[in-house]
Amino acid sequence: MPINVTLDVMLARRKVRAKDLAAQVGISETQMSLLRTGKVKGMRFDTLSKICFLLECQPADIIEYLPDEDDLNTKDE
């Protein structure tokens, strides 16, 4: 998948535990774990907004787009 979740990096930079962030955002620890590992299909903008507010970061600090060959093939269609 071309979207890479780098939330763990920002958590380490801010010295925040995932468990604490989950509680502040209002999501379960399981949901936070799935998000951190990139095993989710999507994220609500409200959740993303809260994470960015609490970690004092931008969305690009916790997710990144890495194009792959499949993306390049569909662009030409």
PDB file of N, CA and C in Angstrom:
ATOM      1  N   MET A   1       0.842  -1.173   0.000  1.00  0.00           N
ATOM      2  CA  MET A   1       0.000   0.000   0.000  1.00  0.00           C
ATOM      3  C   MET A   1       0.890   1.240   0.000  1.00  0.00           C
ATOM      4  N   PRO A   2       0.550   2.240  -0.777  1.00  0.00           N
ATOM      5  CA  PRO A   2       1.416   3.408  -0.906  1.00  0.00           C
ATOM      6  C   PRO A   2       1.361   4.384   0.263  1.00  0.00           C
ATOM      7  N   ILE A   3       0.479   4.170   1.240  1.00  0.00           N
ATOM      8  CA  ILE A   3       0.415   5.046   2.408  1.00  0.00           C
ATOM      9  C   ILE A   3       1.162   4.381   3.556  1.00  0.00           C
ATOM     10  N   ASN A   4       2.131   5.093   4.099  1.00  0.00           N
ATOM     11  CA  ASN A   4       2.943   4.586   5.194  1.00  0.00           C
ATOM     12  C   ASN A   4       2.637   5.413   6.446  1.00  0.00           C
ATOM     13  N   VAL A   5       2.316   4.746   7.532  1.00  0.00           N
ATOM     14  CA  VAL A   5       2.001   5.431   8.791  1.00  0.00           C
ATOM     15  C   VAL A   5       3.285   5.555   9.615  1.00  0.00           C
ATOM     16  N   THR A   6       3.634   6.792   9.946  1.00  0.00           N
ATOM     17  CA  THR A   6       4.851   7.060  10.720  1.00  0.00           C
ATOM     18  C   THR A   6       4.513   7.644  12.092  1.00  0.00           C
ATOM     19  N   LEU A   7       3.365   7.272  12.600  1.00  0.00           N
ATOM     20  CA  LEU A   7       2.912   7.781  13.896  1.00  0.00           C
ATOM     21  C   LEU A   7       3.876   7.416  15.018  1.00  0.00           C
ATOM     22  N   ASP A   8       4.457   6.234  14.965  1.00  0.00           N
ATOM     23  CA  ASP A   8       5.403   5.818  16.008  1.00  0.00           C
ATOM     24  C   ASP A   8       6.591   6.776  16.116  1.00  0.00           C
ATOM     25  N   VAL A   9       7.044   7.273  14.990  1.00  0.00           N
ATOM     26  CA  VAL A   9       8.175   8.209  14.983  1.00  0.00           C
ATOM     27  C   VAL A   9       7.796   9.477  15.751  1.00  0.00           C
ATOM     28  N   MET A  10       6.611   9.999  15.462  1.00  0.00           N
ATOM     29  CA  MET A  10       6.172  11.225  16.137  1.00  0.00           C
ATOM     30  C   MET A  10       5.916  10.974  17.624  1.00  0.00           C
ATOM     31  N   LEU A  11       5.381   9.816  17.956  1.00  0.00           N
ATOM     32  CA  LEU A  11       5.183   9.481  19.373  1.00  0.00           C
ATOM     33  C   LEU A  11       6.528   9.480  20.105  1.00  0.00           C
ATOM     34  N   ALA A  12       7.538   8.897  19.486  1.00  0.00           N
ATOM     35  CA  ALA A  12       8.867   8.855  20.106  1.00  0.00           C
ATOM     36  C   ALA A  12       9.455  10.262  20.227  1.00  0.00           C
ATOM     37  N   ARG A  13       9.298  11.071  19.198  1.00  0.00           N
ATOM     38  CA  ARG A  13       9.821  12.443  19.243  1.00  0.00           C
ATOM     39  C   ARG A  13       9.175  13.263  20.350  1.00  0.00           C
ATOM     40  N   ARG A  14       7.891  13.058  20.539  1.00  0.00           N
ATOM     41  CA  ARG A  14       7.153  13.828  21.551  1.00  0.00           C
ATOM     42  C   ARG A  14       7.171  13.152  22.924  1.00  0.00           C
ATOM     43  N   LYS A  15       7.757  11.950  22.982  1.00  0.00           N
ATOM     44  CA  LYS A  15       7.833  11.175  24.228  1.00  0.00           C
ATOM     45  C   LYS A  15       6.443  10.947  24.821  1.00  0.00           C
ATOM     46  N   VAL A  16       5.530  10.517  23.947  1.00  0.00           N
ATOM     47  CA  VAL A  16       4.144  10.241  24.333  1.00  0.00           C
ATOM     48  C   VAL A  16       3.892   8.755  24.122  1.00  0.00           C
ATOM     49  N   ARG A  17       3.250   8.125  25.096  1.00  0.00           N
ATOM     50  CA  ARG A  17       2.901   6.714  24.950  1.00  0.00           C
ATOM     51  C   ARG A  17       1.612   6.584  24.152  1.00  0.00           C
ATOM     52  N   ALA A  18       1.570   5.563  23.312  1.00  0.00           N
ATOM     53  CA  ALA A  18       0.393   5.328  22.470  1.00  0.00           C
ATOM     54  C   ALA A  18      -0.859   5.160  23.320  1.00  0.00           C
ATOM     55  N   LYS A  19      -0.718   4.522  24.460  1.00  0.00           N
ATOM     56  CA  LYS A  19      -1.848   4.314  25.371  1.00  0.00           C
ATOM     57  C   LYS A  19      -2.417   5.650  25.840  1.00  0.00           C
ATOM     58  N   ASP A  20      -1.550   6.576  26.179  1.00  0.00           N
ATOM     59  CA  ASP A  20      -1.985   7.897  26.641  1.00  0.00           C
ATOM     60  C   ASP A  20      -2.631   8.704  25.513  1.00  0.00           C
ATOM     61  N   LEU A  21      -2.042   8.625  24.327  1.00  0.00           N
ATOM     62  CA  LEU A  21      -2.607   9.348  23.186  1.00  0.00           C
ATOM     63  C   LEU A  21      -3.986   8.796  22.840  1.00  0.00           C
ATOM     64  N   ALA A  22      -4.137   7.486  22.862  1.00  0.00           N
ATOM     65  CA  ALA A  22      -5.437   6.866  22.567  1.00  0.00           C
ATOM     66  C   ALA A  22      -6.502   7.384  23.523  1.00  0.00           C
ATOM     67  N   ALA A  23      -6.164   7.462  24.806  1.00  0.00           N
ATOM     68  CA  ALA A  23      -7.125   7.946  25.809  1.00  0.00           C
ATOM     69  C   ALA A  23      -7.501   9.402  25.543  1.00  0.00           C
ATOM     70  N   GLN A  24      -6.522  10.226  25.201  1.00  0.00           N
ATOM     71  CA  GLN A  24      -6.783  11.644  24.950  1.00  0.00           C
ATOM     72  C   GLN A  24      -7.593  11.862  23.673  1.00  0.00           C
ATOM     73  N   VAL A  25      -7.339  11.035  22.667  1.00  0.00           N
ATOM     74  CA  VAL A  25      -8.049  11.157  21.393  1.00  0.00           C
ATOM     75  C   VAL A  25      -9.464  10.603  21.508  1.00  0.00           C
ATOM     76  N   GLY A  26      -9.634   9.610  22.381  1.00  0.00           N
ATOM     77  CA  GLY A  26     -10.945   8.988  22.551  1.00  0.00           C
ATOM     78  C   GLY A  26     -11.134   7.747  21.701  1.00  0.00           C
ATOM     79  N   ILE A  27     -10.031   7.042  21.429  1.00  0.00           N
ATOM     80  CA  ILE A  27     -10.111   5.778  20.710  1.00  0.00           C
ATOM     81  C   ILE A  27      -9.521   4.684  21.586  1.00  0.00           C
ATOM     82  N   SER A  28      -9.828   3.448  21.258  1.00  0.00           N
ATOM     83  CA  SER A  28      -9.329   2.335  22.065  1.00  0.00           C
ATOM     84  C   SER A  28      -7.843   2.103  21.792  1.00  0.00           C
ATOM     85  N   GLU A  29      -7.195   1.424  22.707  1.00  0.00           N
ATOM     86  CA  GLU A  29      -5.791   1.076  22.519  1.00  0.00           C
ATOM     87  C   GLU A  29      -5.632   0.151  21.316  1.00  0.00           C
ATOM     88  N   THR A  30      -6.639  -0.689  21.077  1.00  0.00           N
ATOM     89  CA  THR A  30      -6.612  -1.581  19.916  1.00  0.00           C
ATOM     90  C   THR A  30      -6.653  -0.771  18.630  1.00  0.00           C
ATOM     91  N   GLN A  31      -7.537   0.215  18.577  1.00  0.00           N
ATOM     92  CA  GLN A  31      -7.610   1.068  17.391  1.00  0.00           C
ATOM     93  C   GLN A  31      -6.300   1.821  17.177  1.00  0.00           C
ATOM     94  N   MET A  32      -5.702   2.303  18.248  1.00  0.00           N
ATOM     95  CA  MET A  32      -4.430   3.014  18.148  1.00  0.00           C
ATOM     96  C   MET A  32      -3.340   2.078  17.629  1.00  0.00           C
ATOM     97  N   SER A  33      -3.320   0.859  18.114  1.00  0.00           N
ATOM     98  CA  SER A  33      -2.338  -0.120  17.654  1.00  0.00           C
ATOM     99  C   SER A  33      -2.496  -0.410  16.167  1.00  0.00           C
ATOM    100  N   LEU A  34      -3.735  -0.585  15.725  1.00  0.00           N
ATOM    101  CA  LEU A  34      -3.987  -0.836  14.304  1.00  0.00           C
ATOM    102  C   LEU A  34      -3.572   0.360  13.461  1.00  0.00           C
ATOM    103  N   LEU A  35      -3.819   1.537  13.967  1.00  0.00           N
ATOM    104  CA  LEU A  35      -3.427   2.748  13.257  1.00  0.00           C
ATOM    105  C   LEU A  35      -1.911   2.863  13.158  1.00  0.00           C
ATOM    106  N   ARG A  36      -1.230   2.614  14.267  1.00  0.00           N
ATOM    107  CA  ARG A  36       0.232   2.711  14.295  1.00  0.00           C
ATOM    108  C   ARG A  36       0.901   1.728  13.348  1.00  0.00           C
ATOM    109  N   THR A  37       0.287   0.563  13.159  1.00  0.00           N
ATOM    110  CA  THR A  37       0.880  -0.453  12.286  1.00  0.00           C
ATOM    111  C   THR A  37       0.405  -0.332  10.849  1.00  0.00           C
ATOM    112  N   GLY A  38      -0.483   0.611  10.586  1.00  0.00           N
ATOM    113  CA  GLY A  38      -0.969   0.808   9.223  1.00  0.00           C
ATOM    114  C   GLY A  38      -1.975  -0.220   8.762  1.00  0.00           C
ATOM    115  N   LYS A  39      -2.600  -0.906   9.703  1.00  0.00           N
ATOM    116  CA  LYS A  39      -3.553  -1.966   9.368  1.00  0.00           C
ATOM    117  C   LYS A  39      -4.997  -1.469   9.332  1.00  0.00           C
ATOM    118  N   VAL A  40      -5.168  -0.215   8.980  1.00  0.00           N
ATOM    119  CA  VAL A  40      -6.507   0.354   8.859  1.00  0.00           C
ATOM    120  C   VAL A  40      -6.719   0.794   7.413  1.00  0.00           C
ATOM    121  N   LYS A  41      -7.968   0.822   6.993  1.00  0.00           N
ATOM    122  CA  LYS A  41      -8.298   1.257   5.634  1.00  0.00           C
ATOM    123  C   LYS A  41      -8.511   2.761   5.553  1.00  0.00           C
ATOM    124  N   GLY A  42      -8.758   3.390   6.689  1.00  0.00           N
ATOM    125  CA  GLY A  42      -8.999   4.819   6.702  1.00  0.00           C
ATOM    126  C   GLY A  42      -8.995   5.361   8.109  1.00  0.00           C
ATOM    127  N   MET A  43      -9.077   6.686   8.189  1.00  0.00           N
ATOM    128  CA  MET A  43      -9.096   7.353   9.483  1.00  0.00           C
ATOM    129  C   MET A  43     -10.022   8.558   9.362  1.00  0.00           C
ATOM    130  N   ARG A  44     -10.817   8.787  10.371  1.00  0.00           N
ATOM    131  CA  ARG A  44     -11.703   9.954  10.371  1.00  0.00           C
ATOM    132  C   ARG A  44     -10.852  11.221  10.498  1.00  0.00           C
ATOM    133  N   PHE A  45     -11.267  12.261   9.793  1.00  0.00           N
ATOM    134  CA  PHE A  45     -10.545  13.529   9.885  1.00  0.00           C
ATOM    135  C   PHE A  45     -10.567  14.062  11.312  1.00  0.00           C
ATOM    136  N   ASP A  46     -11.625  13.809  12.043  1.00  0.00           N
ATOM    137  CA  ASP A  46     -11.714  14.232  13.437  1.00  0.00           C
ATOM    138  C   ASP A  46     -10.606  13.586  14.257  1.00  0.00           C
ATOM    139  N   THR A  47     -10.385  12.303  14.051  1.00  0.00           N
ATOM    140  CA  THR A  47      -9.323  11.584  14.767  1.00  0.00           C
ATOM    141  C   THR A  47      -7.959  12.124  14.373  1.00  0.00           C
ATOM    142  N   LEU A  48      -7.741  12.309  13.083  1.00  0.00           N
ATOM    143  CA  LEU A  48      -6.472  12.852  12.594  1.00  0.00           C
ATOM    144  C   LEU A  48      -6.226  14.242  13.176  1.00  0.00           C
ATOM    145  N   SER A  49      -7.262  15.055  13.214  1.00  0.00           N
ATOM    146  CA  SER A  49      -7.156  16.400  13.762  1.00  0.00           C
ATOM    147  C   SER A  49      -6.750  16.379  15.229  1.00  0.00           C
ATOM    148  N   LYS A  50      -7.383  15.508  16.003  1.00  0.00           N
ATOM    149  CA  LYS A  50      -7.055  15.412  17.434  1.00  0.00           C
ATOM    150  C   LYS A  50      -5.623  14.946  17.644  1.00  0.00           C
ATOM    151  N   ILE A  51      -5.188  13.961  16.861  1.00  0.00           N
ATOM    152  CA  ILE A  51      -3.817  13.458  16.982  1.00  0.00           C
ATOM    153  C   ILE A  51      -2.825  14.576  16.668  1.00  0.00           C
ATOM    154  N   CYS A  52      -3.078  15.286  15.585  1.00  0.00           N
ATOM    155  CA  CYS A  52      -2.172  16.376  15.202  1.00  0.00           C
ATOM    156  C   CYS A  52      -2.151  17.484  16.251  1.00  0.00           C
ATOM    157  N   PHE A  53      -3.318  17.802  16.806  1.00  0.00           N
ATOM    158  CA  PHE A  53      -3.391  18.831  17.849  1.00  0.00           C
ATOM    159  C   PHE A  53      -2.584  18.410  19.074  1.00  0.00           C
ATOM    160  N   LEU A  54      -2.791  17.182  19.528  1.00  0.00           N
ATOM    161  CA  LEU A  54      -2.128  16.710  20.738  1.00  0.00           C
ATOM    162  C   LEU A  54      -0.624  16.522  20.564  1.00  0.00           C
ATOM    163  N   LEU A  55      -0.204  16.112  19.366  1.00  0.00           N
ATOM    164  CA  LEU A  55       1.229  15.909  19.121  1.00  0.00           C
ATOM    165  C   LEU A  55       1.901  17.150  18.542  1.00  0.00           C
ATOM    166  N   GLU A  56       1.094  18.207  18.338  1.00  0.00           N
ATOM    167  CA  GLU A  56       1.598  19.456  17.766  1.00  0.00           C
ATOM    168  C   GLU A  56       2.377  19.178  16.479  1.00  0.00           C
ATOM    169  N   CYS A  57       1.668  18.562  15.521  1.00  0.00           N
ATOM    170  CA  CYS A  57       2.293  18.201  14.264  1.00  0.00           C
ATOM    171  C   CYS A  57       1.306  18.372  13.112  1.00  0.00           C
ATOM    172  N   GLN A  58       1.757  18.111  11.922  1.00  0.00           N
ATOM    173  CA  GLN A  58       0.942  18.158  10.719  1.00  0.00           C
ATOM    174  C   GLN A  58       0.631  16.717  10.282  1.00  0.00           C
ATOM    175  N   PRO A  59      -0.436  16.519   9.509  1.00  0.00           N
ATOM    176  CA  PRO A  59      -0.738  15.159   9.027  1.00  0.00           C
ATOM    177  C   PRO A  59       0.444  14.503   8.313  1.00  0.00           C
ATOM    178  N   ALA A  60       1.213  15.281   7.581  1.00  0.00           N
ATOM    179  CA  ALA A  60       2.372  14.726   6.868  1.00  0.00           C
ATOM    180  C   ALA A  60       3.459  14.220   7.818  1.00  0.00           C
ATOM    181  N   ASP A  61       3.388  14.617   9.082  1.00  0.00           N
ATOM    182  CA  ASP A  61       4.357  14.128  10.067  1.00  0.00           C
ATOM    183  C   ASP A  61       4.027  12.716  10.539  1.00  0.00           C
ATOM    184  N   ILE A  62       2.793  12.263  10.300  1.00  0.00           N
ATOM    185  CA  ILE A  62       2.404  10.936  10.792  1.00  0.00           C
ATOM    186  C   ILE A  62       1.951   9.985   9.692  1.00  0.00           C
ATOM    187  N   ILE A  63       1.739  10.501   8.482  1.00  0.00           N
ATOM    188  CA  ILE A  63       1.446   9.629   7.342  1.00  0.00           C
ATOM    189  C   ILE A  63       2.200  10.164   6.132  1.00  0.00           C
ATOM    190  N   GLU A  64       2.619   9.242   5.268  1.00  0.00           N
ATOM    191  CA  GLU A  64       3.313   9.658   4.059  1.00  0.00           C
ATOM    192  C   GLU A  64       2.860   8.809   2.885  1.00  0.00           C
ATOM    193  N   TYR A  65       2.956   9.382   1.716  1.00  0.00           N
ATOM    194  CA  TYR A  65       2.569   8.708   0.482  1.00  0.00           C
ATOM    195  C   TYR A  65       3.818   8.239  -0.233  1.00  0.00           C
ATOM    196  N   LEU A  66       3.890   6.950  -0.494  1.00  0.00           N
ATOM    197  CA  LEU A  66       5.012   6.371  -1.214  1.00  0.00           C
ATOM    198  C   LEU A  66       4.462   5.713  -2.476  1.00  0.00           C
ATOM    199  N   PRO A  67       4.560   6.380  -3.618  1.00  0.00           N
ATOM    200  CA  PRO A  67       3.991   5.805  -4.838  1.00  0.00           C
ATOM    201  C   PRO A  67       4.680   4.490  -5.193  1.00  0.00           C
ATOM    202  N   ASP A  68       3.899   3.561  -5.693  1.00  0.00           N
ATOM    203  CA  ASP A  68       4.475   2.308  -6.164  1.00  0.00           C
ATOM    204  C   ASP A  68       4.162   2.139  -7.642  1.00  0.00           C
ATOM    205  N   GLU A  69       4.649   1.081  -8.212  1.00  0.00           N
ATOM    206  CA  GLU A  69       4.507   0.878  -9.651  1.00  0.00           C
ATOM    207  C   GLU A  69       3.048   0.771 -10.084  1.00  0.00           C
ATOM    208  N   ASP A  70       2.184   0.202  -9.250  1.00  0.00           N
ATOM    209  CA  ASP A  70       0.765   0.104  -9.580  1.00  0.00           C
ATOM    210  C   ASP A  70       0.152   1.492  -9.741  1.00  0.00           C
ATOM    211  N   ASP A  71       0.564   2.441  -8.897  1.00  0.00           N
ATOM    212  CA  ASP A  71       0.050   3.801  -9.000  1.00  0.00           C
ATOM    213  C   ASP A  71       0.461   4.432 -10.335  1.00  0.00           C
ATOM    214  N   LEU A  72       1.670   4.172 -10.739  1.00  0.00           N
ATOM    215  CA  LEU A  72       2.151   4.733 -11.997  1.00  0.00           C
ATOM    216  C   LEU A  72       1.404   4.150 -13.189  1.00  0.00           C
ATOM    217  N   ASN A  73       1.055   2.867 -13.133  1.00  0.00           N
ATOM    218  CA  ASN A  73       0.329   2.217 -14.225  1.00  0.00           C
ATOM    219  C   ASN A  73      -1.091   2.738 -14.349  1.00  0.00           C
ATOM    220  N   THR A  74      -1.756   3.020 -13.246  1.00  0.00           N
ATOM    221  CA  THR A  74      -3.150   3.497 -13.297  1.00  0.00           C
ATOM    222  C   THR A  74      -3.221   4.960 -13.727  1.00  0.00           C
ATOM    223  N   LYS A  75      -2.152   5.694 -13.567  1.00  0.00           N
ATOM    224  CA  LYS A  75      -2.133   7.105 -13.954  1.00  0.00           C
ATOM    225  C   LYS A  75      -2.264   7.268 -15.466  1.00  0.00           C
ATOM    226  N   ASP A  76      -1.728   6.323 -16.226  1.00  0.00           N
ATOM    227  CA  ASP A  76      -1.754   6.413 -17.682  1.00  0.00           C
ATOM    228  C   ASP A  76      -3.103   6.031 -18.278  1.00  0.00           C
ATOM    229  N   GLU A  77      -3.968   5.409 -17.510  1.00  0.00           N
ATOM    230  CA  GLU A  77      -5.256   4.926 -18.035  1.00  0.00           C
ATOM    231  C   GLU A  77      -6.253   6.016 -18.248  1.00  0.00           C
TER     232      GLU A  77
END
